[in-house]
Amino acid sequence: MTSKQGGSSDREFVEALVELQAEASVHDLVPWCARHDIDVVPMSAGALITGSSGKFAEAFGVARLENRSRPQTLPVPATLSNTARSVTVLPIPTPGARDRNS
């Protein structure tokens, strides 16, 4: 997965959880994500979407993803408003964090 924008942060791997509208199906999400080179993994209560930071910024209309140490809510594009209730970017895992909390 590469980005035309070039910076290494544009190619950083991103995972986000999509909470679907009550009437929506993950299958409603797939065509939109495919158009933006974002992959979709169905989950029991929505979907996990993955792709490069550059593709996410472009698809969700944000300049760039900031502060990846905490979950970040992205704006739901108008074309997804009947499908997605929310989109939350997962934080970058911190190596050894699990060991410190045990």
PDB file of N, CA and C in Angstrom:
ATOM      1  N   MET A   1       0.836  -1.175   0.000  1.00  0.00           N
ATOM      2  CA  MET A   1       0.000   0.000   0.000  1.00  0.00           C
ATOM      3  C   MET A   1       0.883   1.240   0.000  1.00  0.00           C
ATOM      4  N   THR A   2       0.823   1.997  -1.044  1.00  0.00           N
ATOM      5  CA  THR A   2       1.604   3.213  -1.115  1.00  0.00           C
ATOM      6  C   THR A   2       0.696   4.394  -1.371  1.00  0.00           C
ATOM      7  N   SER A   3       1.193   5.548  -1.035  1.00  0.00           N
ATOM      8  CA  SER A   3       0.425   6.772  -1.222  1.00  0.00           C
ATOM      9  C   SER A   3       1.130   7.658  -2.232  1.00  0.00           C
ATOM     10  N   LYS A   4       0.387   8.373  -3.034  1.00  0.00           N
ATOM     11  CA  LYS A   4       0.958   9.293  -4.002  1.00  0.00           C
ATOM     12  C   LYS A   4       1.543  10.516  -3.310  1.00  0.00           C
ATOM     13  N   GLN A   5       1.189  10.736  -2.048  1.00  0.00           N
ATOM     14  CA  GLN A   5       1.665  11.917  -1.340  1.00  0.00           C
ATOM     15  C   GLN A   5       3.117  11.776  -0.908  1.00  0.00           C
ATOM     16  N   GLY A   6       3.638  10.554  -0.792  1.00  0.00           N
ATOM     17  CA  GLY A   6       5.058  10.333  -0.627  1.00  0.00           C
ATOM     18  C   GLY A   6       5.612  10.230   0.768  1.00  0.00           C
ATOM     19  N   GLY A   7       5.168  10.983   1.763  1.00  0.00           N
ATOM     20  CA  GLY A   7       5.767  10.927   3.081  1.00  0.00           C
ATOM     21  C   GLY A   7       5.585   9.576   3.735  1.00  0.00           C
ATOM     22  N   SER A   8       6.563   9.194   4.587  1.00  0.00           N
ATOM     23  CA  SER A   8       6.469   7.882   5.228  1.00  0.00           C
ATOM     24  C   SER A   8       5.249   7.783   6.129  1.00  0.00           C
ATOM     25  N   SER A   9       4.823   8.908   6.747  1.00  0.00           N
ATOM     26  CA  SER A   9       3.638   8.860   7.601  1.00  0.00           C
ATOM     27  C   SER A   9       2.380   8.578   6.783  1.00  0.00           C
ATOM     28  N   ASP A  10       2.399   8.915   5.481  1.00  0.00           N
ATOM     29  CA  ASP A  10       1.258   8.645   4.612  1.00  0.00           C
ATOM     30  C   ASP A  10       1.101   7.148   4.357  1.00  0.00           C
ATOM     31  N   ARG A  11       2.167   6.386   4.556  1.00  0.00           N
ATOM     32  CA  ARG A  11       2.128   4.945   4.333  1.00  0.00           C
ATOM     33  C   ARG A  11       1.983   4.162   5.641  1.00  0.00           C
ATOM     34  N   GLU A  12       1.908   4.857   6.755  1.00  0.00           N
ATOM     35  CA  GLU A  12       1.756   4.204   8.048  1.00  0.00           C
ATOM     36  C   GLU A  12       0.440   3.419   8.071  1.00  0.00           C
ATOM     37  N   PHE A  13       0.475   2.205   8.587  1.00  0.00           N
ATOM     38  CA  PHE A  13      -0.695   1.324   8.631  1.00  0.00           C
ATOM     39  C   PHE A  13      -1.691   1.832   9.665  1.00  0.00           C
ATOM     40  N   VAL A  14      -2.966   1.861   9.277  1.00  0.00           N
ATOM     41  CA  VAL A  14      -4.038   2.351  10.147  1.00  0.00           C
ATOM     42  C   VAL A  14      -5.116   1.276  10.268  1.00  0.00           C
ATOM     43  N   GLU A  15      -5.637   1.121  11.478  1.00  0.00           N
ATOM     44  CA  GLU A  15      -6.791   0.259  11.743  1.00  0.00           C
ATOM     45  C   GLU A  15      -7.868   1.124  12.385  1.00  0.00           C
ATOM     46  N   ALA A  16      -9.108   0.934  11.940  1.00  0.00           N
ATOM     47  CA  ALA A  16     -10.215   1.691  12.526  1.00  0.00           C
ATOM     48  C   ALA A  16     -11.433   0.793  12.662  1.00  0.00           C
ATOM     49  N   LEU A  17     -12.226   1.060  13.683  1.00  0.00           N
ATOM     50  CA  LEU A  17     -13.479   0.340  13.889  1.00  0.00           C
ATOM     51  C   LEU A  17     -14.626   1.180  13.350  1.00  0.00           C
ATOM     52  N   VAL A  18     -15.512   0.528  12.608  1.00  0.00           N
ATOM     53  CA  VAL A  18     -16.694   1.202  12.074  1.00  0.00           C
ATOM     54  C   VAL A  18     -17.916   0.632  12.775  1.00  0.00           C
ATOM     55  N   GLU A  19     -18.651   1.498  13.441  1.00  0.00           N
ATOM     56  CA  GLU A  19     -19.934   1.104  14.023  1.00  0.00           C
ATOM     57  C   GLU A  19     -20.990   1.391  12.961  1.00  0.00           C
ATOM     58  N   LEU A  20     -21.749   0.373  12.601  1.00  0.00           N
ATOM     59  CA  LEU A  20     -22.738   0.504  11.537  1.00  0.00           C
ATOM     60  C   LEU A  20     -24.073   1.036  12.056  1.00  0.00           C
ATOM     61  N   GLN A  21     -24.812   1.702  11.170  1.00  0.00           N
ATOM     62  CA  GLN A  21     -26.177   2.106  11.478  1.00  0.00           C
ATOM     63  C   GLN A  21     -27.002   0.834  11.677  1.00  0.00           C
ATOM     64  N   ALA A  22     -28.091   0.920  12.423  1.00  0.00           N
ATOM     65  CA  ALA A  22     -28.908  -0.247  12.767  1.00  0.00           C
ATOM     66  C   ALA A  22     -29.361  -1.032  11.536  1.00  0.00           C
ATOM     67  N   GLU A  23     -29.720  -0.346  10.466  1.00  0.00           N
ATOM     68  CA  GLU A  23     -30.251  -1.012   9.268  1.00  0.00           C
ATOM     69  C   GLU A  23     -29.159  -1.422   8.287  1.00  0.00           C
ATOM     70  N   ALA A  24     -27.915  -1.023   8.532  1.00  0.00           N
ATOM     71  CA  ALA A  24     -26.836  -1.243   7.566  1.00  0.00           C
ATOM     72  C   ALA A  24     -26.164  -2.598   7.739  1.00  0.00           C
ATOM     73  N   SER A  25     -25.521  -3.017   6.675  1.00  0.00           N
ATOM     74  CA  SER A  25     -24.747  -4.261   6.644  1.00  0.00           C
ATOM     75  C   SER A  25     -23.309  -3.916   6.277  1.00  0.00           C
ATOM     76  N   VAL A  26     -22.381  -4.735   6.702  1.00  0.00           N
ATOM     77  CA  VAL A  26     -20.981  -4.519   6.329  1.00  0.00           C
ATOM     78  C   VAL A  26     -20.827  -4.533   4.812  1.00  0.00           C
ATOM     79  N   HIS A  27     -21.710  -5.237   4.125  1.00  0.00           N
ATOM     80  CA  HIS A  27     -21.655  -5.290   2.663  1.00  0.00           C
ATOM     81  C   HIS A  27     -21.947  -3.920   2.041  1.00  0.00           C
ATOM     82  N   ASP A  28     -22.639  -3.050   2.768  1.00  0.00           N
ATOM     83  CA  ASP A  28     -22.894  -1.688   2.291  1.00  0.00           C
ATOM     84  C   ASP A  28     -21.620  -0.836   2.349  1.00  0.00           C
ATOM     85  N   LEU A  29     -20.697  -1.215   3.218  1.00  0.00           N
ATOM     86  CA  LEU A  29     -19.455  -0.482   3.436  1.00  0.00           C
ATOM     87  C   LEU A  29     -18.371  -0.847   2.415  1.00  0.00           C
ATOM     88  N   VAL A  30     -18.383  -2.075   1.935  1.00  0.00           N
ATOM     89  CA  VAL A  30     -17.314  -2.603   1.093  1.00  0.00           C
ATOM     90  C   VAL A  30     -17.071  -1.784  -0.183  1.00  0.00           C
ATOM     91  N   PRO A  31     -18.075  -1.437  -0.981  1.00  0.00           N
ATOM     92  CA  PRO A  31     -17.796  -0.690  -2.220  1.00  0.00           C
ATOM     93  C   PRO A  31     -17.124   0.667  -1.970  1.00  0.00           C
ATOM     94  N   TRP A  32     -17.577   1.391  -0.955  1.00  0.00           N
ATOM     95  CA  TRP A  32     -16.983   2.689  -0.642  1.00  0.00           C
ATOM     96  C   TRP A  32     -15.523   2.520  -0.246  1.00  0.00           C
ATOM     97  N   CYS A  33     -15.243   1.551   0.620  1.00  0.00           N
ATOM     98  CA  CYS A  33     -13.864   1.308   1.053  1.00  0.00           C
ATOM     99  C   CYS A  33     -12.987   0.870  -0.122  1.00  0.00           C
ATOM    100  N   ALA A  34     -13.510   0.035  -0.989  1.00  0.00           N
ATOM    101  CA  ALA A  34     -12.742  -0.434  -2.147  1.00  0.00           C
ATOM    102  C   ALA A  34     -12.348   0.740  -3.045  1.00  0.00           C
ATOM    103  N   ARG A  35     -13.239   1.693  -3.228  1.00  0.00           N
ATOM    104  CA  ARG A  35     -12.926   2.874  -4.042  1.00  0.00           C
ATOM    105  C   ARG A  35     -11.791   3.698  -3.444  1.00  0.00           C
ATOM    106  N   HIS A  36     -11.575   3.572  -2.137  1.00  0.00           N
ATOM    107  CA  HIS A  36     -10.542   4.344  -1.443  1.00  0.00           C
ATOM    108  C   HIS A  36      -9.328   3.493  -1.055  1.00  0.00           C
ATOM    109  N   ASP A  37      -9.234   2.283  -1.613  1.00  0.00           N
ATOM    110  CA  ASP A  37      -8.124   1.362  -1.307  1.00  0.00           C
ATOM    111  C   ASP A  37      -8.000   1.066   0.184  1.00  0.00           C
ATOM    112  N   ILE A  38      -9.149   0.901   0.829  1.00  0.00           N
ATOM    113  CA  ILE A  38      -9.200   0.546   2.245  1.00  0.00           C
ATOM    114  C   ILE A  38      -9.840  -0.830   2.341  1.00  0.00           C
ATOM    115  N   ASP A  39      -9.208  -1.718   3.111  1.00  0.00           N
ATOM    116  CA  ASP A  39      -9.698  -3.090   3.267  1.00  0.00           C
ATOM    117  C   ASP A  39     -10.724  -3.166   4.390  1.00  0.00           C
ATOM    118  N   VAL A  40     -11.646  -4.128   4.275  1.00  0.00           N
ATOM    119  CA  VAL A  40     -12.724  -4.306   5.246  1.00  0.00           C
ATOM    120  C   VAL A  40     -12.702  -5.723   5.786  1.00  0.00           C
ATOM    121  N   VAL A  41     -12.755  -5.840   7.118  1.00  0.00           N
ATOM    122  CA  VAL A  41     -12.881  -7.135   7.786  1.00  0.00           C
ATOM    123  C   VAL A  41     -14.177  -7.098   8.594  1.00  0.00           C
ATOM    124  N   PRO A  42     -15.180  -7.916   8.222  1.00  0.00           N
ATOM    125  CA  PRO A  42     -16.438  -7.930   8.978  1.00  0.00           C
ATOM    126  C   PRO A  42     -16.210  -8.380  10.424  1.00  0.00           C
ATOM    127  N   MET A  43     -16.957  -7.770  11.324  1.00  0.00           N
ATOM    128  CA  MET A  43     -16.927  -8.133  12.741  1.00  0.00           C
ATOM    129  C   MET A  43     -18.368  -8.282  13.203  1.00  0.00           C
ATOM    130  N   SER A  44     -18.567  -8.846  14.369  1.00  0.00           N
ATOM    131  CA  SER A  44     -19.934  -9.095  14.836  1.00  0.00           C
ATOM    132  C   SER A  44     -20.726  -7.806  15.043  1.00  0.00           C
ATOM    133  N   ALA A  45     -20.065  -6.721  15.407  1.00  0.00           N
ATOM    134  CA  ALA A  45     -20.784  -5.473  15.662  1.00  0.00           C
ATOM    135  C   ALA A  45     -20.275  -4.343  14.773  1.00  0.00           C
ATOM    136  N   GLY A  46     -19.967  -4.639  13.523  1.00  0.00           N
ATOM    137  CA  GLY A  46     -19.478  -3.601  12.618  1.00  0.00           C
ATOM    138  C   GLY A  46     -18.392  -4.142  11.724  1.00  0.00           C
ATOM    139  N   ALA A  47     -17.303  -3.354  11.592  1.00  0.00           N
ATOM    140  CA  ALA A  47     -16.209  -3.769  10.721  1.00  0.00           C
ATOM    141  C   ALA A  47     -14.903  -3.150  11.192  1.00  0.00           C
ATOM    142  N   LEU A  48     -13.815  -3.836  10.864  1.00  0.00           N
ATOM    143  CA  LEU A  48     -12.477  -3.301  11.034  1.00  0.00           C
ATOM    144  C   LEU A  48     -12.036  -2.885   9.640  1.00  0.00           C
ATOM    145  N   ILE A  49     -11.604  -1.641   9.479  1.00  0.00           N
ATOM    146  CA  ILE A  49     -11.093  -1.203   8.188  1.00  0.00           C
ATOM    147  C   ILE A  49      -9.616  -0.875   8.340  1.00  0.00           C
ATOM    148  N   THR A  50      -8.832  -1.185   7.308  1.00  0.00           N
ATOM    149  CA  THR A  50      -7.396  -0.995   7.376  1.00  0.00           C
ATOM    150  C   THR A  50      -6.871  -0.408   6.071  1.00  0.00           C
ATOM    151  N   GLY A  51      -5.785   0.314   6.182  1.00  0.00           N
ATOM    152  CA  GLY A  51      -5.140   0.893   5.014  1.00  0.00           C
ATOM    153  C   GLY A  51      -4.051   1.849   5.439  1.00  0.00           C
ATOM    154  N   SER A  52      -3.519   2.584   4.486  1.00  0.00           N
ATOM    155  CA  SER A  52      -2.461   3.539   4.792  1.00  0.00           C
ATOM    156  C   SER A  52      -3.054   4.825   5.382  1.00  0.00           C
ATOM    157  N   SER A  53      -2.237   5.521   6.136  1.00  0.00           N
ATOM    158  CA  SER A  53      -2.651   6.786   6.731  1.00  0.00           C
ATOM    159  C   SER A  53      -3.061   7.781   5.654  1.00  0.00           C
ATOM    160  N   GLY A  54      -2.324   7.802   4.554  1.00  0.00           N
ATOM    161  CA  GLY A  54      -2.649   8.705   3.452  1.00  0.00           C
ATOM    162  C   GLY A  54      -4.010   8.419   2.851  1.00  0.00           C
ATOM    163  N   LYS A  55      -4.328   7.132   2.674  1.00  0.00           N
ATOM    164  CA  LYS A  55      -5.637   6.759   2.115  1.00  0.00           C
ATOM    165  C   LYS A  55      -6.761   7.129   3.076  1.00  0.00           C
ATOM    166  N   PHE A  56      -6.537   6.927   4.388  1.00  0.00           N
ATOM    167  CA  PHE A  56      -7.547   7.302   5.384  1.00  0.00           C
ATOM    168  C   PHE A  56      -7.779   8.816   5.367  1.00  0.00           C
ATOM    169  N   ALA A  57      -6.689   9.588   5.367  1.00  0.00           N
ATOM    170  CA  ALA A  57      -6.818  11.046   5.373  1.00  0.00           C
ATOM    171  C   ALA A  57      -7.590  11.514   4.145  1.00  0.00           C
ATOM    172  N   GLU A  58      -7.269  10.940   2.996  1.00  0.00           N
ATOM    173  CA  GLU A  58      -7.945  11.296   1.748  1.00  0.00           C
ATOM    174  C   GLU A  58      -9.432  10.901   1.789  1.00  0.00           C
ATOM    175  N   ALA A  59      -9.725   9.685   2.219  1.00  0.00           N
ATOM    176  CA  ALA A  59     -11.102   9.174   2.216  1.00  0.00           C
ATOM    177  C   ALA A  59     -11.999   9.891   3.223  1.00  0.00           C
ATOM    178  N   PHE A  60     -11.437  10.255   4.378  1.00  0.00           N
ATOM    179  CA  PHE A  60     -12.253  10.851   5.430  1.00  0.00           C
ATOM    180  C   PHE A  60     -12.122  12.372   5.499  1.00  0.00           C
ATOM    181  N   GLY A  61     -11.378  12.956   4.552  1.00  0.00           N
ATOM    182  CA  GLY A  61     -11.302  14.407   4.455  1.00  0.00           C
ATOM    183  C   GLY A  61     -10.594  15.090   5.600  1.00  0.00           C
ATOM    184  N   VAL A  62      -9.558  14.458   6.127  1.00  0.00           N
ATOM    185  CA  VAL A  62      -8.767  15.084   7.184  1.00  0.00           C
ATOM    186  C   VAL A  62      -7.359  15.333   6.637  1.00  0.00           C
ATOM    187  N   ALA A  63      -6.716  16.390   7.127  1.00  0.00           N
ATOM    188  CA  ALA A  63      -5.377  16.725   6.639  1.00  0.00           C
ATOM    189  C   ALA A  63      -4.398  15.587   6.922  1.00  0.00           C
ATOM    190  N   ARG A  64      -4.457  15.057   8.126  1.00  0.00           N
ATOM    191  CA  ARG A  64      -3.644  13.904   8.518  1.00  0.00           C
ATOM    192  C   ARG A  64      -4.153  13.388   9.849  1.00  0.00           C
ATOM    193  N   LEU A  65      -3.773  12.180  10.170  1.00  0.00           N
ATOM    194  CA  LEU A  65      -4.190  11.595  11.447  1.00  0.00           C
ATOM    195  C   LEU A  65      -3.228  12.063  12.526  1.00  0.00           C
ATOM    196  N   GLU A  66      -3.751  12.685  13.544  1.00  0.00           N
ATOM    197  CA  GLU A  66      -2.950  13.243  14.632  1.00  0.00           C
ATOM    198  C   GLU A  66      -2.965  12.328  15.855  1.00  0.00           C
ATOM    199  N   ASN A  67      -1.973  12.466  16.690  1.00  0.00           N
ATOM    200  CA  ASN A  67      -1.908  11.811  18.006  1.00  0.00           C
ATOM    201  C   ASN A  67      -2.427  10.381  17.993  1.00  0.00           C
ATOM    202  N   ARG A  68      -1.678   9.495  17.378  1.00  0.00           N
ATOM    203  CA  ARG A  68      -2.095   8.100  17.255  1.00  0.00           C
ATOM    204  C   ARG A  68      -1.879   7.311  18.553  1.00  0.00           C
ATOM    205  N   SER A  69      -1.586   7.983  19.656  1.00  0.00           N
ATOM    206  CA  SER A  69      -1.426   7.285  20.934  1.00  0.00           C
ATOM    207  C   SER A  69      -2.776   7.052  21.617  1.00  0.00           C
ATOM    208  N   ARG A  70      -3.827   7.682  21.096  1.00  0.00           N
ATOM    209  CA  ARG A  70      -5.188   7.537  21.637  1.00  0.00           C
ATOM    210  C   ARG A  70      -6.166   7.286  20.492  1.00  0.00           C
ATOM    211  N   PRO A  71      -7.312   6.671  20.793  1.00  0.00           N
ATOM    212  CA  PRO A  71      -8.322   6.499  19.738  1.00  0.00           C
ATOM    213  C   PRO A  71      -8.733   7.864  19.185  1.00  0.00           C
ATOM    214  N   GLN A  72      -9.025   7.909  17.898  1.00  0.00           N
ATOM    215  CA  GLN A  72      -9.405   9.164  17.244  1.00  0.00           C
ATOM    216  C   GLN A  72     -10.658   8.941  16.415  1.00  0.00           C
ATOM    217  N   THR A  73     -11.681   9.739  16.656  1.00  0.00           N
ATOM    218  CA  THR A  73     -12.924   9.640  15.897  1.00  0.00           C
ATOM    219  C   THR A  73     -12.792  10.459  14.617  1.00  0.00           C
ATOM    220  N   LEU A  74     -13.126   9.832  13.489  1.00  0.00           N
ATOM    221  CA  LEU A  74     -13.091  10.522  12.208  1.00  0.00           C
ATOM    222  C   LEU A  74     -14.497  10.956  11.814  1.00  0.00           C
ATOM    223  N   PRO A  75     -14.599  12.024  11.027  1.00  0.00           N
ATOM    224  CA  PRO A  75     -15.917  12.423  10.535  1.00  0.00           C
ATOM    225  C   PRO A  75     -16.443  11.381   9.550  1.00  0.00           C
ATOM    226  N   VAL A  76     -17.715  11.065   9.649  1.00  0.00           N
ATOM    227  CA  VAL A  76     -18.329  10.114   8.714  1.00  0.00           C
ATOM    228  C   VAL A  76     -18.692  10.894   7.450  1.00  0.00           C
ATOM    229  N   PRO A  77     -18.108  10.514   6.296  1.00  0.00           N
ATOM    230  CA  PRO A  77     -18.442  11.211   5.051  1.00  0.00           C
ATOM    231  C   PRO A  77     -19.935  11.093   4.736  1.00  0.00           C
ATOM    232  N   ALA A  78     -20.475  12.110   4.081  1.00  0.00           N
ATOM    233  CA  ALA A  78     -21.907  12.131   3.746  1.00  0.00           C
ATOM    234  C   ALA A  78     -22.318  10.886   2.970  1.00  0.00           C
ATOM    235  N   THR A  79     -21.441  10.382   2.110  1.00  0.00           N
ATOM    236  CA  THR A  79     -21.774   9.195   1.310  1.00  0.00           C
ATOM    237  C   THR A  79     -21.862   7.926   2.151  1.00  0.00           C
ATOM    238  N   LEU A  80     -21.384   7.990   3.395  1.00  0.00           N
ATOM    239  CA  LEU A  80     -21.468   6.829   4.298  1.00  0.00           C
ATOM    240  C   LEU A  80     -22.465   7.027   5.424  1.00  0.00           C
ATOM    241  N   SER A  81     -23.143   8.153   5.458  1.00  0.00           N
ATOM    242  CA  SER A  81     -24.001   8.473   6.600  1.00  0.00           C
ATOM    243  C   SER A  81     -25.147   7.482   6.813  1.00  0.00           C
ATOM    244  N   ASN A  82     -25.614   6.819   5.772  1.00  0.00           N
ATOM    245  CA  ASN A  82     -26.661   5.804   5.942  1.00  0.00           C
ATOM    246  C   ASN A  82     -26.097   4.450   6.345  1.00  0.00           C
ATOM    247  N   THR A  83     -24.772   4.314   6.286  1.00  0.00           N
ATOM    248  CA  THR A  83     -24.111   3.033   6.585  1.00  0.00           C
ATOM    249  C   THR A  83     -23.382   3.060   7.915  1.00  0.00           C
ATOM    250  N   ALA A  84     -22.562   4.100   8.128  1.00  0.00           N
ATOM    251  CA  ALA A  84     -21.693   4.153   9.313  1.00  0.00           C
ATOM    252  C   ALA A  84     -22.220   5.134  10.347  1.00  0.00           C
ATOM    253  N   ARG A  85     -22.267   4.683  11.578  1.00  0.00           N
ATOM    254  CA  ARG A  85     -22.639   5.557  12.700  1.00  0.00           C
ATOM    255  C   ARG A  85     -21.395   6.294  13.200  1.00  0.00           C
ATOM    256  N   SER A  86     -20.254   5.575  13.261  1.00  0.00           N
ATOM    257  CA  SER A  86     -19.009   6.195  13.713  1.00  0.00           C
ATOM    258  C   SER A  86     -17.818   5.435  13.141  1.00  0.00           C
ATOM    259  N   VAL A  87     -16.685   6.142  13.072  1.00  0.00           N
ATOM    260  CA  VAL A  87     -15.416   5.562  12.630  1.00  0.00           C
ATOM    261  C   VAL A  87     -14.365   5.993  13.640  1.00  0.00           C
ATOM    262  N   THR A  88     -13.718   5.020  14.286  1.00  0.00           N
ATOM    263  CA  THR A  88     -12.727   5.322  15.312  1.00  0.00           C
ATOM    264  C   THR A  88     -11.402   4.663  14.964  1.00  0.00           C
ATOM    265  N   VAL A  89     -10.363   5.483  14.772  1.00  0.00           N
ATOM    266  CA  VAL A  89      -9.018   4.982  14.498  1.00  0.00           C
ATOM    267  C   VAL A  89      -8.437   4.454  15.805  1.00  0.00           C
ATOM    268  N   LEU A  90      -7.913   3.240  15.739  1.00  0.00           N
ATOM    269  CA  LEU A  90      -7.305   2.627  16.916  1.00  0.00           C
ATOM    270  C   LEU A  90      -5.910   3.194  17.143  1.00  0.00           C
ATOM    271  N   PRO A  91      -5.482   3.314  18.401  1.00  0.00           N
ATOM    272  CA  PRO A  91      -4.139   3.837  18.672  1.00  0.00           C
ATOM    273  C   PRO A  91      -3.066   2.857  18.226  1.00  0.00           C
ATOM    274  N   ILE A  92      -1.874   3.394  17.979  1.00  0.00           N
ATOM    275  CA  ILE A  92      -0.730   2.557  17.653  1.00  0.00           C
ATOM    276  C   ILE A  92      -0.340   1.817  18.930  1.00  0.00           C
ATOM    277  N   PRO A  93      -0.214   0.484  18.865  1.00  0.00           N
ATOM    278  CA  PRO A  93       0.168  -0.263  20.066  1.00  0.00           C
ATOM    279  C   PRO A  93       1.558   0.157  20.552  1.00  0.00           C
ATOM    280  N   THR A  94       1.712   0.217  21.849  1.00  0.00           N
ATOM    281  CA  THR A  94       2.998   0.535  22.450  1.00  0.00           C
ATOM    282  C   THR A  94       3.668  -0.773  22.860  1.00  0.00           C
ATOM    283  N   PRO A  95       4.848  -1.075  22.304  1.00  0.00           N
ATOM    284  CA  PRO A  95       5.529  -2.323  22.675  1.00  0.00           C
ATOM    285  C   PRO A  95       5.736  -2.412  24.185  1.00  0.00           C
ATOM    286  N   GLY A  96       5.396  -3.546  24.754  1.00  0.00           N
ATOM    287  CA  GLY A  96       5.576  -3.774  26.169  1.00  0.00           C
ATOM    288  C   GLY A  96       4.496  -3.200  27.055  1.00  0.00           C
ATOM    289  N   ALA A  97       3.519  -2.489  26.493  1.00  0.00           N
ATOM    290  CA  ALA A  97       2.463  -1.877  27.308  1.00  0.00           C
ATOM    291  C   ALA A  97       1.675  -2.924  28.060  1.00  0.00           C
ATOM    292  N   ARG A  98       1.415  -4.048  27.430  1.00  0.00           N
ATOM    293  CA  ARG A  98       0.659  -5.105  28.082  1.00  0.00           C
ATOM    294  C   ARG A  98       1.426  -5.646  29.285  1.00  0.00           C
ATOM    295  N   ASP A  99       2.759  -5.771  29.139  1.00  0.00           N
ATOM    296  CA  ASP A  99       3.588  -6.278  30.234  1.00  0.00           C
ATOM    297  C   ASP A  99       3.579  -5.338  31.432  1.00  0.00           C
ATOM    298  N   ARG A 100       3.551  -4.036  31.199  1.00  0.00           N
ATOM    299  CA  ARG A 100       3.563  -3.063  32.298  1.00  0.00           C
ATOM    300  C   ARG A 100       2.254  -3.053  33.058  1.00  0.00           C
ATOM    301  N   ASN A 101       1.153  -3.414  32.383  1.00  0.00           N
ATOM    302  CA  ASN A 101      -0.153  -3.377  33.029  1.00  0.00           C
ATOM    303  C   ASN A 101      -0.519  -4.685  33.707  1.00  0.00           C
ATOM    304  N   SER A 102       0.315  -5.695  33.597  1.00  0.00           N
ATOM    305  CA  SER A 102       0.000  -7.019  34.185  1.00  0.00           C
ATOM    306  C   SER A 102       0.276  -7.029  35.660  1.00  0.00           C
TER     307      SER A 102
END
